[in-house]
PDB file of N, CA and C in Angstrom:
ATOM      1  N   MET A   1       0.859  -1.163   0.017  1.00  0.00           N
ATOM      2  CA  MET A   1      -0.011  -0.040   0.013  1.00  0.00           C
ATOM      3  C   MET A   1       0.925   1.241  -0.017  1.00  0.00           C
ATOM      4  N   THR A   2       0.455   2.317  -0.652  1.00  0.00           N
ATOM      5  CA  THR A   2       1.219   3.529  -0.681  1.00  0.00           C
ATOM      6  C   THR A   2       0.554   4.674   0.224  1.00  0.00           C
ATOM      7  N   LEU A   3       1.302   5.626   0.542  1.00  0.00           N
ATOM      8  CA  LEU A   3       0.819   6.646   1.439  1.00  0.00           C
ATOM      9  C   LEU A   3      -0.359   7.414   0.870  1.00  0.00           C
ATOM     10  N   ASP A   4      -0.416   7.572  -0.482  1.00  0.00           N
ATOM     11  CA  ASP A   4      -1.524   8.331  -1.100  1.00  0.00           C
ATOM     12  C   ASP A   4      -2.892   7.568  -0.925  1.00  0.00           C
ATOM     13  N   GLN A   5      -2.857   6.281  -0.610  1.00  0.00           N
ATOM     14  CA  GLN A   5      -4.057   5.480  -0.441  1.00  0.00           C
ATOM     15  C   GLN A   5      -4.670   5.572   0.990  1.00  0.00           C
ATOM     16  N   LEU A   6      -3.892   6.108   1.928  1.00  0.00           N
ATOM     17  CA  LEU A   6      -4.375   6.248   3.313  1.00  0.00           C
ATOM     18  C   LEU A   6      -5.347   7.458   3.401  1.00  0.00           C
ATOM     19  N   LYS A   7      -6.287   7.297   4.301  1.00  0.00           N
ATOM     20  CA  LYS A   7      -7.298   8.307   4.568  1.00  0.00           C
ATOM     21  C   LYS A   7      -6.897   9.049   5.887  1.00  0.00           C
ATOM     22  N   PRO A   8      -7.486  10.234   6.099  1.00  0.00           N
ATOM     23  CA  PRO A   8      -7.224  10.923   7.346  1.00  0.00           C
ATOM     24  C   PRO A   8      -7.492  10.058   8.579  1.00  0.00           C
ATOM     25  N   GLY A   9      -6.531  10.017   9.461  1.00  0.00           N
ATOM     26  CA  GLY A   9      -6.645   9.230  10.707  1.00  0.00           C
ATOM     27  C   GLY A   9      -5.871   7.890  10.547  1.00  0.00           C
ATOM     28  N   ASP A  10      -5.589   7.451   9.320  1.00  0.00           N
ATOM     29  CA  ASP A  10      -4.867   6.200   9.127  1.00  0.00           C
ATOM     30  C   ASP A  10      -3.391   6.436   9.443  1.00  0.00           C
ATOM     31  N   ALA A  11      -2.703   5.403   9.922  1.00  0.00           N
ATOM     32  CA  ALA A  11      -1.311   5.536  10.281  1.00  0.00           C
ATOM     33  C   ALA A  11      -0.609   4.192   9.824  1.00  0.00           C
ATOM     34  N   GLY A  12       0.687   4.285   9.729  1.00  0.00           N
ATOM     35  CA  GLY A  12       1.487   3.105   9.382  1.00  0.00           C
ATOM     36  C   GLY A  12       2.973   3.443   9.509  1.00  0.00           C
ATOM     37  N   TYR A  13       3.739   2.454   9.037  1.00  0.00           N
ATOM     38  CA  TYR A  13       5.214   2.581   9.055  1.00  0.00           C
ATOM     39  C   TYR A  13       5.701   2.580   7.594  1.00  0.00           C
ATOM     40  N   VAL A  14       6.670   3.470   7.308  1.00  0.00           N
ATOM     41  CA  VAL A  14       7.248   3.524   5.991  1.00  0.00           C
ATOM     42  C   VAL A  14       8.056   2.242   5.738  1.00  0.00           C
ATOM     43  N   LYS A  15       7.721   1.577   4.656  1.00  0.00           N
ATOM     44  CA  LYS A  15       8.498   0.371   4.246  1.00  0.00           C
ATOM     45  C   LYS A  15       9.661   0.739   3.432  1.00  0.00           C
ATOM     46  N   LYS A  16       9.375   1.529   2.368  1.00  0.00           N
ATOM     47  CA  LYS A  16      10.465   1.924   1.485  1.00  0.00           C
ATOM     48  C   LYS A  16      10.046   3.078   0.613  1.00  0.00           C
ATOM     49  N   LEU A  17      11.029   3.768   0.027  1.00  0.00           N
ATOM     50  CA  LEU A  17      10.736   4.825  -0.920  1.00  0.00           C
ATOM     51  C   LEU A  17      11.039   4.273  -2.307  1.00  0.00           C
ATOM     52  N   SER A  18      10.091   4.417  -3.214  1.00  0.00           N
ATOM     53  CA  SER A  18      10.220   3.872  -4.574  1.00  0.00           C
ATOM     54  C   SER A  18      10.987   4.821  -5.524  1.00  0.00           C
ATOM     55  N   SER A  19      11.138   6.052  -5.140  1.00  0.00           N
ATOM     56  CA  SER A  19      11.786   7.024  -6.029  1.00  0.00           C
ATOM     57  C   SER A  19      13.276   7.138  -5.648  1.00  0.00           C
ATOM     58  N   ARG A  20      14.155   7.121  -6.587  1.00  0.00           N
ATOM     59  CA  ARG A  20      15.612   7.276  -6.381  1.00  0.00           C
ATOM     60  C   ARG A  20      16.129   8.572  -6.950  1.00  0.00           C
ATOM     61  N   ASP A  21      15.288   9.435  -7.503  1.00  0.00           N
ATOM     62  CA  ASP A  21      15.681  10.658  -8.146  1.00  0.00           C
ATOM     63  C   ASP A  21      15.634  11.831  -7.171  1.00  0.00           C
ATOM     64  N   LYS A  22      15.418  12.993  -7.652  1.00  0.00           N
ATOM     65  CA  LYS A  22      15.320  14.213  -6.841  1.00  0.00           C
ATOM     66  C   LYS A  22      14.175  14.135  -5.813  1.00  0.00           C
ATOM     67  N   LEU A  23      13.071  13.512  -6.188  1.00  0.00           N
ATOM     68  CA  LEU A  23      11.966  13.345  -5.271  1.00  0.00           C
ATOM     69  C   LEU A  23      12.313  12.464  -4.082  1.00  0.00           C
ATOM     70  N   GLY A  24      12.991  11.382  -4.378  1.00  0.00           N
ATOM     71  CA  GLY A  24      13.466  10.476  -3.303  1.00  0.00           C
ATOM     72  C   GLY A  24      14.395  11.196  -2.331  1.00  0.00           C
ATOM     73  N   HIS A  25      15.294  11.993  -2.871  1.00  0.00           N
ATOM     74  CA  HIS A  25      16.238  12.791  -2.056  1.00  0.00           C
ATOM     75  C   HIS A  25      15.465  13.808  -1.216  1.00  0.00           C
ATOM     76  N   ARG A  26      14.477  14.461  -1.842  1.00  0.00           N
ATOM     77  CA  ARG A  26      13.691  15.453  -1.168  1.00  0.00           C
ATOM     78  C   ARG A  26      12.872  14.830  -0.008  1.00  0.00           C
ATOM     79  N   LEU A  27      12.291  13.643  -0.210  1.00  0.00           N
ATOM     80  CA  LEU A  27      11.558  12.993   0.837  1.00  0.00           C
ATOM     81  C   LEU A  27      12.471  12.650   2.024  1.00  0.00           C
ATOM     82  N   LEU A  28      13.694  12.153   1.703  1.00  0.00           N
ATOM     83  CA  LEU A  28      14.638  11.853   2.770  1.00  0.00           C
ATOM     84  C   LEU A  28      15.047  13.099   3.529  1.00  0.00           C
ATOM     85  N   CYS A  29      15.247  14.216   2.819  1.00  0.00           N
ATOM     86  CA  CYS A  29      15.608  15.458   3.499  1.00  0.00           C
ATOM     87  C   CYS A  29      14.472  15.992   4.384  1.00  0.00           C
ATOM     88  N   MET A  30      13.215  15.684   3.986  1.00  0.00           N
ATOM     89  CA  MET A  30      12.090  16.103   4.763  1.00  0.00           C
ATOM     90  C   MET A  30      11.843  15.183   5.984  1.00  0.00           C
ATOM     91  N   GLY A  31      12.635  14.087   6.100  1.00  0.00           N
ATOM     92  CA  GLY A  31      12.546  13.181   7.204  1.00  0.00           C
ATOM     93  C   GLY A  31      11.698  11.922   6.988  1.00  0.00           C
ATOM     94  N   VAL A  32      11.339  11.623   5.781  1.00  0.00           N
ATOM     95  CA  VAL A  32      10.629  10.462   5.414  1.00  0.00           C
ATOM     96  C   VAL A  32      11.621   9.336   5.111  1.00  0.00           C
ATOM     97  N   TYR A  33      11.692   8.245   5.928  1.00  0.00           N
ATOM     98  CA  TYR A  33      12.710   7.217   5.705  1.00  0.00           C
ATOM     99  C   TYR A  33      12.064   5.852   6.242  1.00  0.00           C
ATOM    100  N   PRO A  34      12.609   4.752   5.750  1.00  0.00           N
ATOM    101  CA  PRO A  34      12.061   3.465   6.180  1.00  0.00           C
ATOM    102  C   PRO A  34      12.070   3.222   7.690  1.00  0.00           C
ATOM    103  N   GLY A  35      10.996   2.703   8.244  1.00  0.00           N
ATOM    104  CA  GLY A  35      10.816   2.462   9.659  1.00  0.00           C
ATOM    105  C   GLY A  35      10.124   3.602  10.396  1.00  0.00           C
ATOM    106  N   LEU A  36       9.937   4.701   9.751  1.00  0.00           N
ATOM    107  CA  LEU A  36       9.266   5.842  10.385  1.00  0.00           C
ATOM    108  C   LEU A  36       7.813   5.636  10.527  1.00  0.00           C
ATOM    109  N   HIS A  37       7.268   6.015  11.722  1.00  0.00           N
ATOM    110  CA  HIS A  37       5.762   5.983  11.891  1.00  0.00           C
ATOM    111  C   HIS A  37       5.157   7.226  11.264  1.00  0.00           C
ATOM    112  N   ILE A  38       4.208   7.128  10.495  1.00  0.00           N
ATOM    113  CA  ILE A  38       3.584   8.231   9.707  1.00  0.00           C
ATOM    114  C   ILE A  38       2.090   8.180   9.840  1.00  0.00           C
ATOM    115  N   LYS A  39       1.442   9.345  10.018  1.00  0.00           N
ATOM    116  CA  LYS A  39       0.003   9.407  10.184  1.00  0.00           C
ATOM    117  C   LYS A  39      -0.575  10.514   9.264  1.00  0.00           C
ATOM    118  N   VAL A  40      -1.663  10.155   8.611  1.00  0.00           N
ATOM    119  CA  VAL A  40      -2.302  11.148   7.698  1.00  0.00           C
ATOM    120  C   VAL A  40      -3.255  11.983   8.580  1.00  0.00           C
ATOM    121  N   ILE A  41      -3.059  13.274   8.594  1.00  0.00           N
ATOM    122  CA  ILE A  41      -3.837  14.204   9.373  1.00  0.00           C
ATOM    123  C   ILE A  41      -5.102  14.641   8.605  1.00  0.00           C
ATOM    124  N   ARG A  42      -4.886  15.189   7.469  1.00  0.00           N
ATOM    125  CA  ARG A  42      -6.022  15.642   6.665  1.00  0.00           C
ATOM    126  C   ARG A  42      -5.581  15.847   5.209  1.00  0.00           C
ATOM    127  N   ASN A  43      -6.654  15.955   4.376  1.00  0.00           N
ATOM    128  CA  ASN A  43      -6.474  16.271   2.952  1.00  0.00           C
ATOM    129  C   ASN A  43      -7.018  17.714   2.767  1.00  0.00           C
ATOM    130  N   ALA A  44      -6.430  18.463   1.846  1.00  0.00           N
ATOM    131  CA  ALA A  44      -6.986  19.726   1.491  1.00  0.00           C
ATOM    132  C   ALA A  44      -8.370  19.580   0.862  1.00  0.00           C
ATOM    133  N   PRO A  45      -9.163  20.623   0.770  1.00  0.00           N
ATOM    134  CA  PRO A  45     -10.513  20.504   0.251  1.00  0.00           C
ATOM    135  C   PRO A  45     -10.594  19.839  -1.112  1.00  0.00           C
ATOM    136  N   MET A  46      -9.643  20.083  -1.996  1.00  0.00           N
ATOM    137  CA  MET A  46      -9.659  19.448  -3.296  1.00  0.00           C
ATOM    138  C   MET A  46      -8.799  18.203  -3.325  1.00  0.00           C
ATOM    139  N   GLN A  47      -8.536  17.582  -2.154  1.00  0.00           N
ATOM    140  CA  GLN A  47      -7.789  16.367  -1.952  1.00  0.00           C
ATOM    141  C   GLN A  47      -6.266  16.465  -2.105  1.00  0.00           C
ATOM    142  N   ASP A  48      -5.731  17.611  -2.502  1.00  0.00           N
ATOM    143  CA  ASP A  48      -4.337  17.773  -2.690  1.00  0.00           C
ATOM    144  C   ASP A  48      -3.868  19.070  -2.212  1.00  0.00           C
ATOM    145  N   PRO A  49      -2.933  19.261  -1.355  1.00  0.00           N
ATOM    146  CA  PRO A  49      -2.008  18.222  -0.800  1.00  0.00           C
ATOM    147  C   PRO A  49      -2.650  17.601   0.464  1.00  0.00           C
ATOM    148  N   MET A  50      -1.875  16.629   0.959  1.00  0.00           N
ATOM    149  CA  MET A  50      -2.233  15.943   2.184  1.00  0.00           C
ATOM    150  C   MET A  50      -1.246  16.348   3.310  1.00  0.00           C
ATOM    151  N   GLU A  51      -1.755  16.435   4.508  1.00  0.00           N
ATOM    152  CA  GLU A  51      -0.897  16.752   5.667  1.00  0.00           C
ATOM    153  C   GLU A  51      -0.633  15.488   6.426  1.00  0.00           C
ATOM    154  N   VAL A  52       0.635  15.170   6.705  1.00  0.00           N
ATOM    155  CA  VAL A  52       1.018  14.024   7.475  1.00  0.00           C
ATOM    156  C   VAL A  52       1.855  14.390   8.617  1.00  0.00           C
ATOM    157  N   GLU A  53       1.803  13.579   9.679  1.00  0.00           N
ATOM    158  CA  GLU A  53       2.628  13.804  10.895  1.00  0.00           C
ATOM    159  C   GLU A  53       3.735  12.727  10.898  1.00  0.00           C
ATOM    160  N   LEU A  54       4.954  13.175  11.224  1.00  0.00           N
ATOM    161  CA  LEU A  54       6.062  12.191  11.387  1.00  0.00           C
ATOM    162  C   LEU A  54       7.006  12.755  12.394  1.00  0.00           C
ATOM    163  N   ASP A  55       7.392  11.941  13.340  1.00  0.00           N
ATOM    164  CA  ASP A  55       8.318  12.378  14.433  1.00  0.00           C
ATOM    165  C   ASP A  55       7.925  13.640  15.115  1.00  0.00           C
ATOM    166  N   GLY A  56       6.591  13.915  15.311  1.00  0.00           N
ATOM    167  CA  GLY A  56       6.182  15.069  16.084  1.00  0.00           C
ATOM    168  C   GLY A  56       6.041  16.351  15.235  1.00  0.00           C
ATOM    169  N   TYR A  57       6.272  16.304  13.959  1.00  0.00           N
ATOM    170  CA  TYR A  57       6.121  17.497  13.080  1.00  0.00           C
ATOM    171  C   TYR A  57       5.285  17.147  11.902  1.00  0.00           C
ATOM    172  N   PHE A  58       4.802  18.163  11.226  1.00  0.00           N
ATOM    173  CA  PHE A  58       3.856  18.016  10.098  1.00  0.00           C
ATOM    174  C   PHE A  58       4.429  18.505   8.849  1.00  0.00           C
ATOM    175  N   ILE A  59       4.107  17.731   7.766  1.00  0.00           N
ATOM    176  CA  ILE A  59       4.544  18.154   6.396  1.00  0.00           C
ATOM    177  C   ILE A  59       3.392  17.970   5.470  1.00  0.00           C
ATOM    178  N   SER A  60       3.423  18.627   4.382  1.00  0.00           N
ATOM    179  CA  SER A  60       2.369  18.472   3.371  1.00  0.00           C
ATOM    180  C   SER A  60       3.005  17.860   2.132  1.00  0.00           C
ATOM    181  N   LEU A  61       2.342  16.924   1.595  1.00  0.00           N
ATOM    182  CA  LEU A  61       2.824  16.212   0.353  1.00  0.00           C
ATOM    183  C   LEU A  61       1.668  16.147  -0.685  1.00  0.00           C
ATOM    184  N   ARG A  62       2.036  16.280  -1.939  1.00  0.00           N
ATOM    185  CA  ARG A  62       1.045  16.040  -3.021  1.00  0.00           C
ATOM    186  C   ARG A  62       0.819  14.531  -3.113  1.00  0.00           C
ATOM    187  N   HIS A  63      -0.329  14.172  -3.549  1.00  0.00           N
ATOM    188  CA  HIS A  63      -0.678  12.773  -3.764  1.00  0.00           C
ATOM    189  C   HIS A  63       0.206  12.062  -4.758  1.00  0.00           C
ATOM    190  N   ASN A  64       0.683  12.814  -5.780  1.00  0.00           N
ATOM    191  CA  ASN A  64       1.578  12.160  -6.733  1.00  0.00           C
ATOM    192  C   ASN A  64       2.959  11.980  -6.143  1.00  0.00           C
ATOM    193  N   GLU A  65       3.297  12.675  -5.059  1.00  0.00           N
ATOM    194  CA  GLU A  65       4.567  12.432  -4.366  1.00  0.00           C
ATOM    195  C   GLU A  65       4.372  11.282  -3.373  1.00  0.00           C
ATOM    196  N   ALA A  66       3.250  11.256  -2.680  1.00  0.00           N
ATOM    197  CA  ALA A  66       2.967  10.273  -1.680  1.00  0.00           C
ATOM    198  C   ALA A  66       2.905   8.841  -2.224  1.00  0.00           C
ATOM    199  N   ARG A  67       2.588   8.721  -3.505  1.00  0.00           N
ATOM    200  CA  ARG A  67       2.464   7.393  -4.046  1.00  0.00           C
ATOM    201  C   ARG A  67       3.831   6.626  -4.115  1.00  0.00           C
ATOM    202  N   TYR A  68       4.940   7.337  -3.932  1.00  0.00           N
ATOM    203  CA  TYR A  68       6.224   6.706  -3.962  1.00  0.00           C
ATOM    204  C   TYR A  68       6.704   6.226  -2.560  1.00  0.00           C
ATOM    205  N   VAL A  69       5.823   6.452  -1.568  1.00  0.00           N
ATOM    206  CA  VAL A  69       6.136   6.047  -0.212  1.00  0.00           C
ATOM    207  C   VAL A  69       5.301   4.801   0.138  1.00  0.00           C
ATOM    208  N   GLU A  70       5.944   3.636   0.216  1.00  0.00           N
ATOM    209  CA  GLU A  70       5.227   2.393   0.587  1.00  0.00           C
ATOM    210  C   GLU A  70       5.115   2.337   2.092  1.00  0.00           C
ATOM    211  N   VAL A  71       3.899   2.024   2.581  1.00  0.00           N
ATOM    212  CA  VAL A  71       3.632   1.901   3.996  1.00  0.00           C
ATOM    213  C   VAL A  71       3.017   0.556   4.373  1.00  0.00           C
ATOM    214  N   SER A  72       3.161   0.200   5.631  1.00  0.00           N
ATOM    215  CA  SER A  72       2.476  -0.960   6.162  1.00  0.00           C
ATOM    216  C   SER A  72       1.889  -0.579   7.526  1.00  0.00           C
ATOM    217  N   SER A  73       0.856  -1.308   7.934  1.00  0.00           N
ATOM    218  CA  SER A  73       0.174  -0.921   9.125  1.00  0.00           C
ATOM    219  C   SER A  73       0.716  -1.695  10.347  1.00  0.00           C
TER     220      SER A  73
END
């Protein structure tokens, strides 16, 4: 399952990042890495972007970026 498939209130652990290019590097720099507990807080009114919580802070990701983050519950 990927992060973009989770609904607000759902949580899980990052299994792996599928992107190895600039997006993958950007996600790592924002603190998204394998083993991290991540929770979807909310979606914007038009469903994009989504707000997620990780390690006590919040970031916003577009759904097309979140689909590269594989998660497990």
